[in-house]
PDB file of all heavy atoms in Angstrom:
ATOM      1  N   VAL A   1     125.876  81.492 116.519  1.00  0.00           N
ATOM      2  CA  VAL A   1     124.808  80.732 117.133  1.00  0.00           C
ATOM      3  C   VAL A   1     125.033  80.732 118.670  1.00  0.00           C
ATOM      4  O   VAL A   1     126.144  80.439 119.106  1.00  0.00           O
ATOM      5  CB  VAL A   1     124.779  79.275 116.640  1.00  0.00           C
ATOM      6  CG1 VAL A   1     123.740  78.432 117.435  1.00  0.00           C
ATOM      7  CG2 VAL A   1     124.431  79.233 115.154  1.00  0.00           C
ATOM      8  N   PHE A   2     124.009  81.114 119.413  1.00  0.00           N
ATOM      9  CA  PHE A   2     124.139  81.206 120.848  1.00  0.00           C
ATOM     10  C   PHE A   2     123.288  80.142 121.534  1.00  0.00           C
ATOM     11  O   PHE A   2     122.098  80.015 121.255  1.00  0.00           O
ATOM     12  CB  PHE A   2     123.666  82.563 121.357  1.00  0.00           C
ATOM     13  CG  PHE A   2     124.648  83.693 121.067  1.00  0.00           C
ATOM     14  CD1 PHE A   2     124.599  84.348 119.847  1.00  0.00           C
ATOM     15  CD2 PHE A   2     125.567  84.056 121.980  1.00  0.00           C
ATOM     16  CE1 PHE A   2     125.490  85.364 119.562  1.00  0.00           C
ATOM     17  CE2 PHE A   2     126.501  85.076 121.742  1.00  0.00           C
ATOM     18  CZ  PHE A   2     126.458  85.727 120.516  1.00  0.00           C
ATOM     19  N   VAL A   3     123.891  79.377 122.413  1.00  0.00           N
ATOM     20  CA  VAL A   3     123.153  78.485 123.329  1.00  0.00           C
ATOM     21  C   VAL A   3     122.831  79.307 124.560  1.00  0.00           C
ATOM     22  O   VAL A   3     123.709  79.811 125.254  1.00  0.00           O
ATOM     23  CB  VAL A   3     123.989  77.250 123.719  1.00  0.00           C
ATOM     24  CG1 VAL A   3     123.228  76.389 124.675  1.00  0.00           C
ATOM     25  CG2 VAL A   3     124.309  76.427 122.430  1.00  0.00           C
ATOM     26  N   ILE A   4     121.514  79.465 124.810  1.00  0.00           N
ATOM     27  CA  ILE A   4     121.065  80.407 125.848  1.00  0.00           C
ATOM     28  C   ILE A   4     121.023  79.729 127.216  1.00  0.00           C
ATOM     29  O   ILE A   4     120.534  78.643 127.385  1.00  0.00           O
ATOM     30  CB  ILE A   4     119.652  80.939 125.467  1.00  0.00           C
ATOM     31  CG1 ILE A   4     119.688  81.700 124.130  1.00  0.00           C
ATOM     32  CG2 ILE A   4     119.097  81.788 126.575  1.00  0.00           C
ATOM     33  CD1 ILE A   4     120.686  82.843 124.171  1.00  0.00           C
ATOM     34  N   SER A   5     121.544  80.453 128.191  1.00  0.00           N
ATOM     35  CA  SER A   5     121.582  79.951 129.590  1.00  0.00           C
ATOM     36  C   SER A   5     120.558  80.609 130.485  1.00  0.00           C
ATOM     37  O   SER A   5     120.295  80.121 131.576  1.00  0.00           O
ATOM     38  CB  SER A   5     122.987  80.123 130.171  1.00  0.00           C
ATOM     39  OG  SER A   5     123.340  81.511 130.156  1.00  0.00           O
ATOM     40  N   ALA A   6     120.008  81.768 130.070  1.00  0.00           N
ATOM     41  CA  ALA A   6     119.021  82.460 130.858  1.00  0.00           C
ATOM     42  C   ALA A   6     118.157  83.336 129.976  1.00  0.00           C
ATOM     43  O   ALA A   6     118.615  83.778 128.916  1.00  0.00           O
ATOM     44  CB  ALA A   6     119.667  83.331 131.975  1.00  0.00           C
ATOM     45  N   ALA A   7     116.945  83.575 130.387  1.00  0.00           N
ATOM     46  CA  ALA A   7     116.013  84.438 129.632  1.00  0.00           C
ATOM     47  C   ALA A   7     115.606  85.616 130.518  1.00  0.00           C
ATOM     48  O   ALA A   7     115.171  85.430 131.647  1.00  0.00           O
ATOM     49  CB  ALA A   7     114.775  83.654 129.205  1.00  0.00           C
ATOM     50  N   VAL A   8     115.734  86.830 129.998  1.00  0.00           N
ATOM     51  CA  VAL A   8     115.446  88.031 130.764  1.00  0.00           C
ATOM     52  C   VAL A   8     114.395  88.840 130.005  1.00  0.00           C
ATOM     53  O   VAL A   8     114.498  89.034 128.790  1.00  0.00           O
ATOM     54  CB  VAL A   8     116.726  88.861 130.951  1.00  0.00           C
ATOM     55  CG1 VAL A   8     116.389  90.192 131.640  1.00  0.00           C
ATOM     56  CG2 VAL A   8     117.790  88.074 131.697  1.00  0.00           C
ATOM     57  N   ASP A   9     113.380  89.314 130.741  1.00  0.00           N
ATOM     58  CA  ASP A   9     112.336  90.152 130.154  1.00  0.00           C
ATOM     59  C   ASP A   9     112.578  91.612 130.584  1.00  0.00           C
ATOM     60  O   ASP A   9     112.353  92.004 131.735  1.00  0.00           O
ATOM     61  CB  ASP A   9     110.946  89.691 130.655  1.00  0.00           C
ATOM     62  CG  ASP A   9     109.835  90.371 129.886  1.00  0.00           C
ATOM     63  OD1 ASP A   9     110.058  91.468 129.311  1.00  0.00           O
ATOM     64  OD2 ASP A   9     108.680  89.831 129.859  1.00  0.00           O
ATOM     65  N   TYR A  10     113.035  92.422 129.629  1.00  0.00           N
ATOM     66  CA  TYR A  10     113.400  93.804 129.892  1.00  0.00           C
ATOM     67  C   TYR A  10     112.169  94.625 130.282  1.00  0.00           C
ATOM     68  O   TYR A  10     112.301  95.690 130.946  1.00  0.00           O
ATOM     69  CB  TYR A  10     114.058  94.410 128.629  1.00  0.00           C
ATOM     70  CG  TYR A  10     114.500  95.803 128.736  1.00  0.00           C
ATOM     71  CD1 TYR A  10     115.600  96.191 129.497  1.00  0.00           C
ATOM     72  CD2 TYR A  10     113.812  96.811 128.009  1.00  0.00           C
ATOM     73  CE1 TYR A  10     115.994  97.494 129.569  1.00  0.00           C
ATOM     74  CE2 TYR A  10     114.251  98.137 128.063  1.00  0.00           C
ATOM     75  CZ  TYR A  10     115.349  98.472 128.832  1.00  0.00           C
ATOM     76  OH  TYR A  10     115.764  99.757 128.929  1.00  0.00           O
ATOM     77  N   ASP A  11     110.990  94.218 129.877  1.00  0.00           N
ATOM     78  CA  ASP A  11     109.785  94.996 130.180  1.00  0.00           C
ATOM     79  C   ASP A  11     109.399  94.947 131.655  1.00  0.00           C
ATOM     80  O   ASP A  11     108.648  95.783 132.132  1.00  0.00           O
ATOM     81  CB  ASP A  11     108.598  94.474 129.342  1.00  0.00           C
ATOM     82  CG  ASP A  11     108.730  94.851 127.913  1.00  0.00           C
ATOM     83  OD1 ASP A  11     109.438  95.858 127.622  1.00  0.00           O
ATOM     84  OD2 ASP A  11     108.180  94.181 127.033  1.00  0.00           O
ATOM     85  N   LEU A  12     109.897  93.923 132.381  1.00  0.00           N
ATOM     86  CA  LEU A  12     109.492  93.774 133.758  1.00  0.00           C
ATOM     87  C   LEU A  12     110.417  94.614 134.671  1.00  0.00           C
ATOM     88  O   LEU A  12     111.266  94.160 135.408  1.00  0.00           O
ATOM     89  CB  LEU A  12     109.538  92.294 134.198  1.00  0.00           C
ATOM     90  CG  LEU A  12     108.507  91.407 133.459  1.00  0.00           C
ATOM     91  CD1 LEU A  12     108.582  89.982 133.957  1.00  0.00           C
ATOM     92  CD2 LEU A  12     107.085  91.961 133.628  1.00  0.00           C
ATOM     93  N   GLY A  13     110.189  95.895 134.605  1.00  0.00           N
ATOM     94  CA  GLY A  13     110.931  96.874 135.380  1.00  0.00           C
ATOM     95  C   GLY A  13     110.200  98.230 135.170  1.00  0.00           C
ATOM     96  O   GLY A  13     109.088  98.271 134.665  1.00  0.00           O
ATOM     97  N   HIS A  14     110.867  99.300 135.469  1.00  0.00           N
ATOM     98  CA  HIS A  14     110.287 100.618 135.310  1.00  0.00           C
ATOM     99  C   HIS A  14     111.063 101.404 134.266  1.00  0.00           C
ATOM    100  O   HIS A  14     112.292 101.548 134.391  1.00  0.00           O
ATOM    101  CB  HIS A  14     110.243 101.399 136.623  1.00  0.00           C
ATOM    102  CG  HIS A  14     109.325 100.767 137.643  1.00  0.00           C
ATOM    103  ND1 HIS A  14     107.967 100.707 137.495  1.00  0.00           N
ATOM    104  CD2 HIS A  14     109.625 100.143 138.795  1.00  0.00           C
ATOM    105  CE1 HIS A  14     107.436 100.094 138.530  1.00  0.00           C
ATOM    106  NE2 HIS A  14     108.399  99.724 139.334  1.00  0.00           N
ATOM    107  N   HIS A  15     110.395 101.898 133.226  1.00  0.00           N
ATOM    108  CA  HIS A  15     111.035 102.724 132.208  1.00  0.00           C
ATOM    109  C   HIS A  15     110.719 104.185 132.442  1.00  0.00           C
ATOM    110  O   HIS A  15     109.580 104.532 132.792  1.00  0.00           O
ATOM    111  CB  HIS A  15     110.527 102.292 130.811  1.00  0.00           C
ATOM    112  CG  HIS A  15     110.819 100.869 130.507  1.00  0.00           C
ATOM    113  ND1 HIS A  15     111.871 100.486 129.698  1.00  0.00           N
ATOM    114  CD2 HIS A  15     110.222  99.736 130.850  1.00  0.00           C
ATOM    115  CE1 HIS A  15     111.889  99.172 129.572  1.00  0.00           C
ATOM    116  NE2 HIS A  15     110.888  98.681 130.274  1.00  0.00           N
ATOM    117  N   ALA A  16     111.712 105.041 132.235  1.00  0.00           N
ATOM    118  CA  ALA A  16     111.515 106.455 132.452  1.00  0.00           C
ATOM    119  C   ALA A  16     111.794 107.255 131.162  1.00  0.00           C
ATOM    120  O   ALA A  16     112.691 106.897 130.388  1.00  0.00           O
ATOM    121  CB  ALA A  16     112.464 106.948 133.570  1.00  0.00           C
ATOM    122  N   ASP A  17     111.003 108.270 130.946  1.00  0.00           N
ATOM    123  CA  ASP A  17     111.240 109.201 129.834  1.00  0.00           C
ATOM    124  C   ASP A  17     112.248 110.254 130.306  1.00  0.00           C
ATOM    125  O   ASP A  17     111.989 110.964 131.286  1.00  0.00           O
ATOM    126  CB  ASP A  17     109.924 109.871 129.446  1.00  0.00           C
ATOM    127  CG  ASP A  17     110.064 110.742 128.207  1.00  0.00           C
ATOM    128  OD1 ASP A  17     111.191 111.216 127.922  1.00  0.00           O
ATOM    129  OD2 ASP A  17     109.048 110.975 127.506  1.00  0.00           O
ATOM    130  N   PRO A  18     113.440 110.332 129.647  1.00  0.00           N
ATOM    131  CA  PRO A  18     114.439 111.302 130.107  1.00  0.00           C
ATOM    132  C   PRO A  18     113.943 112.734 130.193  1.00  0.00           C
ATOM    133  O   PRO A  18     114.400 113.512 131.047  1.00  0.00           O
ATOM    134  CB  PRO A  18     115.526 111.146 129.023  1.00  0.00           C
ATOM    135  CG  PRO A  18     115.345 109.810 128.469  1.00  0.00           C
ATOM    136  CD  PRO A  18     113.858 109.527 128.508  1.00  0.00           C
ATOM    137  N   ARG A  19     112.931 113.058 129.391  1.00  0.00           N
ATOM    138  CA  ARG A  19     112.361 114.434 129.391  1.00  0.00           C
ATOM    139  C   ARG A  19     111.629 114.727 130.666  1.00  0.00           C
ATOM    140  O   ARG A  19     111.385 115.890 131.011  1.00  0.00           O
ATOM    141  CB  ARG A  19     111.490 114.643 128.206  1.00  0.00           C
ATOM    142  CG  ARG A  19     112.242 114.580 126.832  1.00  0.00           C
ATOM    143  CD  ARG A  19     111.267 114.501 125.685  1.00  0.00           C
ATOM    144  NE  ARG A  19     110.402 113.306 125.756  1.00  0.00           N
ATOM    145  CZ  ARG A  19     109.496 112.957 124.865  1.00  0.00           C
ATOM    146  NH1 ARG A  19     109.328 113.776 123.788  1.00  0.00           N
ATOM    147  NH2 ARG A  19     108.784 111.861 124.965  1.00  0.00           N
ATOM    148  N   GLU A  20     111.232 113.703 131.382  1.00  0.00           N
ATOM    149  CA  GLU A  20     110.444 113.865 132.631  1.00  0.00           C
ATOM    150  C   GLU A  20     111.302 113.656 133.902  1.00  0.00           C
ATOM    151  O   GLU A  20     110.767 113.682 134.982  1.00  0.00           O
ATOM    152  CB  GLU A  20     109.267 112.907 132.620  1.00  0.00           C
ATOM    153  CG  GLU A  20     108.283 113.165 131.472  1.00  0.00           C
ATOM    154  CD  GLU A  20     107.134 112.193 131.466  1.00  0.00           C
ATOM    155  OE1 GLU A  20     107.164 111.221 132.266  1.00  0.00           O
ATOM    156  OE2 GLU A  20     106.194 112.378 130.676  1.00  0.00           O
ATOM    157  N   MET A  21     112.553 113.391 133.695  1.00  0.00           N
ATOM    158  CA  MET A  21     113.453 113.118 134.824  1.00  0.00           C
ATOM    159  C   MET A  21     114.036 114.423 135.371  1.00  0.00           C
ATOM    160  O   MET A  21     114.591 115.211 134.611  1.00  0.00           O
ATOM    161  CB  MET A  21     114.540 112.109 134.471  1.00  0.00           C
ATOM    162  CG  MET A  21     113.995 110.752 133.980  1.00  0.00           C
ATOM    163  SD  MET A  21     115.229 109.619 133.356  1.00  0.00           S
ATOM    164  CE  MET A  21     116.174 109.283 134.842  1.00  0.00           C
ATOM    165  N   HIS A  22     113.951 114.629 136.681  1.00  0.00           N
ATOM    166  CA  HIS A  22     114.473 115.840 137.283  1.00  0.00           C
ATOM    167  C   HIS A  22     116.008 115.846 137.286  1.00  0.00           C
ATOM    168  O   HIS A  22     116.603 116.911 137.216  1.00  0.00           O
ATOM    169  CB  HIS A  22     113.920 115.999 138.707  1.00  0.00           C
ATOM    170  CG  HIS A  22     112.426 116.121 138.754  1.00  0.00           C
ATOM    171  ND1 HIS A  22     111.748 117.184 138.208  1.00  0.00           N
ATOM    172  CD2 HIS A  22     111.474 115.308 139.288  1.00  0.00           C
ATOM    173  CE1 HIS A  22     110.447 117.021 138.390  1.00  0.00           C
ATOM    174  NE2 HIS A  22     110.272 115.886 139.065  1.00  0.00           N
ATOM    175  N   GLN A  23     116.597 114.673 137.399  1.00  0.00           N
ATOM    176  CA  GLN A  23     118.049 114.587 137.415  1.00  0.00           C
ATOM    177  C   GLN A  23     118.484 113.765 136.208  1.00  0.00           C
ATOM    178  O   GLN A  23     117.967 112.649 136.009  1.00  0.00           O
ATOM    179  CB  GLN A  23     118.571 113.925 138.701  1.00  0.00           C
ATOM    180  CG  GLN A  23     118.272 114.724 139.964  1.00  0.00           C
ATOM    181  CD  GLN A  23     118.847 114.032 141.192  1.00  0.00           C
ATOM    182  OE1 GLN A  23     119.089 112.846 141.196  1.00  0.00           O
ATOM    183  NE2 GLN A  23     119.019 114.808 142.267  1.00  0.00           N
ATOM    184  N   GLN A  24     119.368 114.315 135.418  1.00  0.00           N
ATOM    185  CA  GLN A  24     119.814 113.628 134.222  1.00  0.00           C
ATOM    186  C   GLN A  24     120.704 112.412 134.574  1.00  0.00           C
ATOM    187  O   GLN A  24     121.572 112.541 135.453  1.00  0.00           O
ATOM    188  CB  GLN A  24     120.596 114.571 133.321  1.00  0.00           C
ATOM    189  CG  GLN A  24     119.733 115.692 132.712  1.00  0.00           C
ATOM    190  CD  GLN A  24     118.586 115.101 131.859  1.00  0.00           C
ATOM    191  OE1 GLN A  24     118.806 114.277 131.021  1.00  0.00           O
ATOM    192  NE2 GLN A  24     117.396 115.572 132.110  1.00  0.00           N
ATOM    193  N   THR A  25     120.455 111.298 133.986  1.00  0.00           N
ATOM    194  CA  THR A  25     121.213 110.083 134.239  1.00  0.00           C
ATOM    195  C   THR A  25     121.216 109.233 132.989  1.00  0.00           C
ATOM    196  O   THR A  25     120.299 109.359 132.125  1.00  0.00           O
ATOM    197  CB  THR A  25     120.614 109.284 135.406  1.00  0.00           C
ATOM    198  OG1 THR A  25     121.297 108.045 135.497  1.00  0.00           O
ATOM    199  CG2 THR A  25     119.141 109.023 135.175  1.00  0.00           C
ATOM    200  N   GLU A  26     122.223 108.430 132.817  1.00  0.00           N
ATOM    201  CA  GLU A  26     122.275 107.511 131.658  1.00  0.00           C
ATOM    202  C   GLU A  26     121.278 106.369 131.815  1.00  0.00           C
ATOM    203  O   GLU A  26     120.910 105.727 130.811  1.00  0.00           O
ATOM    204  CB  GLU A  26     123.684 106.953 131.509  1.00  0.00           C
ATOM    205  CG  GLU A  26     124.744 107.997 131.140  1.00  0.00           C
ATOM    206  CD  GLU A  26     126.108 107.373 130.959  1.00  0.00           C
ATOM    207  OE1 GLU A  26     126.212 106.138 131.124  1.00  0.00           O
ATOM    208  OE2 GLU A  26     127.057 108.115 130.624  1.00  0.00           O
TER     209      GLU A  26
END
């Protein structure tokens, strides 16, 4: 059971498709 101290929305950023990236990165 986790008592939560912060809420983060992962969608509020920029997502990239690795197939469209000119430089490979993790």
